[in-house]
Amino acid sequence: MELGNISKPTYGSGLEAPGSSTPGLVTMAHGFLRLVQPNPLPTELIKFGQLQSEFSQEDIHELLLYELGFLVCVAIGVLLIILVPLVGCCFCCCRC
C-alpha cells in the first residue's frame, strides 16, 4: 500500500478497495464519510513546530464548522444511548 505525498495529499472521488468482495459496503462507508465531513481541513490552524496556547473565536468557530458532522453524529448517538434504555424500561415496567 503506497502512502503517497503525506505533506500535500490529493483526494479523489473515493477509494475502492482492490479486489474487494463488498464494493457496495465500501461505497456506503465513503458516502457516509463524505456526508459527515464535507468541509476541508483548515490546515492554517495547525502550526507545526510552534506551541499554540490560545485559540481565537474565529479559530474555534472554524474548527467546530469542520467537525459539525461528527458533532451531530455524537449528539444523535448520546440521545439514542439515553432514550433506548429508557423506552425499553417503560415498555417492560409499565405494561398493562
Protein backbone atom coordinates (compact mmCIF):
# COMPACT_ATOMS: atom_id res chain seq x y z
CA MET A 1 0.00 0.00 0.00
CA GLU A 2 1.55 3.27 -1.08
CA LEU A 3 1.04 6.31 1.12
CA GLY A 4 1.85 8.94 -1.49
CA ASN A 5 2.77 12.51 -0.63
CA ILE A 6 1.86 12.95 3.04
CA SER A 7 2.57 16.68 3.28
CA LYS A 8 0.30 17.52 0.31
CA PRO A 9 -2.26 14.73 -0.07
CA THR A 10 -4.51 14.53 -3.09
CA TYR A 11 -8.09 13.49 -2.61
CA GLY A 12 -10.11 11.80 -5.29
CA SER A 13 -13.74 10.94 -5.58
CA GLY A 14 -13.26 7.93 -3.34
CA LEU A 15 -11.08 4.89 -2.88
CA GLU A 16 -12.09 1.44 -3.91
CA ALA A 17 -10.56 -1.48 -2.08
CA PRO A 18 -8.54 -3.53 -4.58
CA GLY A 19 -10.29 -6.80 -5.27
CA SER A 20 -12.97 -6.03 -2.73
CA SER A 21 -15.75 -8.55 -2.38
CA THR A 22 -18.03 -5.89 -0.92
CA PRO A 23 -17.89 -2.82 -3.20
CA GLY A 24 -21.34 -1.72 -2.00
CA LEU A 25 -20.15 -1.57 1.60
CA VAL A 26 -17.03 0.39 0.61
CA THR A 27 -19.17 2.85 -1.37
CA MET A 28 -21.60 3.23 1.53
CA ALA A 29 -18.78 3.89 4.04
CA HIS A 30 -17.17 6.52 1.81
CA GLY A 31 -20.55 8.11 1.16
CA PHE A 32 -21.15 8.40 4.90
CA LEU A 33 -17.73 9.95 5.48
CA ARG A 34 -18.32 12.49 2.71
CA LEU A 35 -21.71 13.26 4.25
CA VAL A 36 -20.45 13.96 7.78
CA GLN A 37 -17.17 15.60 6.72
CA PRO A 38 -17.81 17.73 3.61
CA ASN A 39 -15.54 20.63 4.61
CA PRO A 40 -11.77 20.61 4.01
CA LEU A 41 -9.38 20.52 6.96
CA PRO A 42 -8.38 24.07 7.99
CA THR A 43 -4.62 23.50 7.77
CA GLU A 44 -3.77 27.12 8.57
CA LEU A 45 -4.89 26.48 12.17
CA ILE A 46 -2.28 23.76 12.61
CA LYS A 47 1.15 25.28 13.18
CA PHE A 48 3.84 22.61 13.21
CA GLY A 49 6.90 23.29 15.36
CA GLN A 50 5.22 26.07 17.32
CA LEU A 51 3.35 25.93 20.58
CA GLN A 52 -0.11 27.34 20.22
CA SER A 53 -1.51 28.21 23.62
CA GLU A 54 -4.59 30.18 22.65
CA PHE A 55 -7.26 29.89 20.00
CA SER A 56 -9.23 32.89 18.86
CA GLN A 57 -13.02 32.83 18.50
CA GLU A 58 -12.63 32.58 14.71
CA ASP A 59 -10.36 29.53 15.06
CA ILE A 60 -12.79 27.78 17.38
CA HIS A 61 -15.70 28.59 15.05
CA GLU A 62 -13.76 27.21 12.07
CA LEU A 63 -12.82 24.02 13.93
CA LEU A 64 -16.42 23.47 15.05
CA LEU A 65 -17.61 24.01 11.48
CA TYR A 66 -15.09 21.42 10.31
CA GLU A 67 -16.28 18.91 12.92
CA LEU A 68 -20.00 19.71 12.60
CA GLY A 69 -20.95 16.39 11.00
CA PHE A 70 -19.22 14.35 13.68
CA LEU A 71 -20.73 16.52 16.43
CA VAL A 72 -24.23 15.84 15.06
CA CYS A 73 -23.50 12.10 14.94
CA VAL A 74 -22.26 12.18 18.55
CA ALA A 75 -25.36 14.08 19.69
CA ILE A 76 -27.67 11.56 17.98
CA GLY A 77 -25.65 8.69 19.50
CA VAL A 78 -25.85 10.10 23.03
CA LEU A 79 -29.57 10.72 22.58
CA LEU A 80 -30.12 7.13 21.48
CA ILE A 81 -27.96 5.77 24.31
CA ILE A 82 -30.23 7.57 26.78
CA LEU A 83 -33.60 7.11 25.05
CA VAL A 84 -33.46 3.43 24.01
CA PRO A 85 -32.96 2.01 27.54
CA LEU A 86 -35.50 4.48 28.95
CA VAL A 87 -38.17 3.48 26.42
CA GLY A 88 -37.32 -0.20 26.92
CA CYS A 89 -37.67 0.21 30.69
CA CYS A 90 -41.04 1.91 30.24
CA PHE A 91 -42.30 -0.89 27.98
CA CYS A 92 -41.09 -3.59 30.39
CA CYS A 93 -42.18 -2.00 33.66
CA CYS A 94 -45.36 -0.21 32.64
CA ARG A 95 -47.16 -2.94 30.69
CA CYS A 96 -50.84 -3.13 31.43
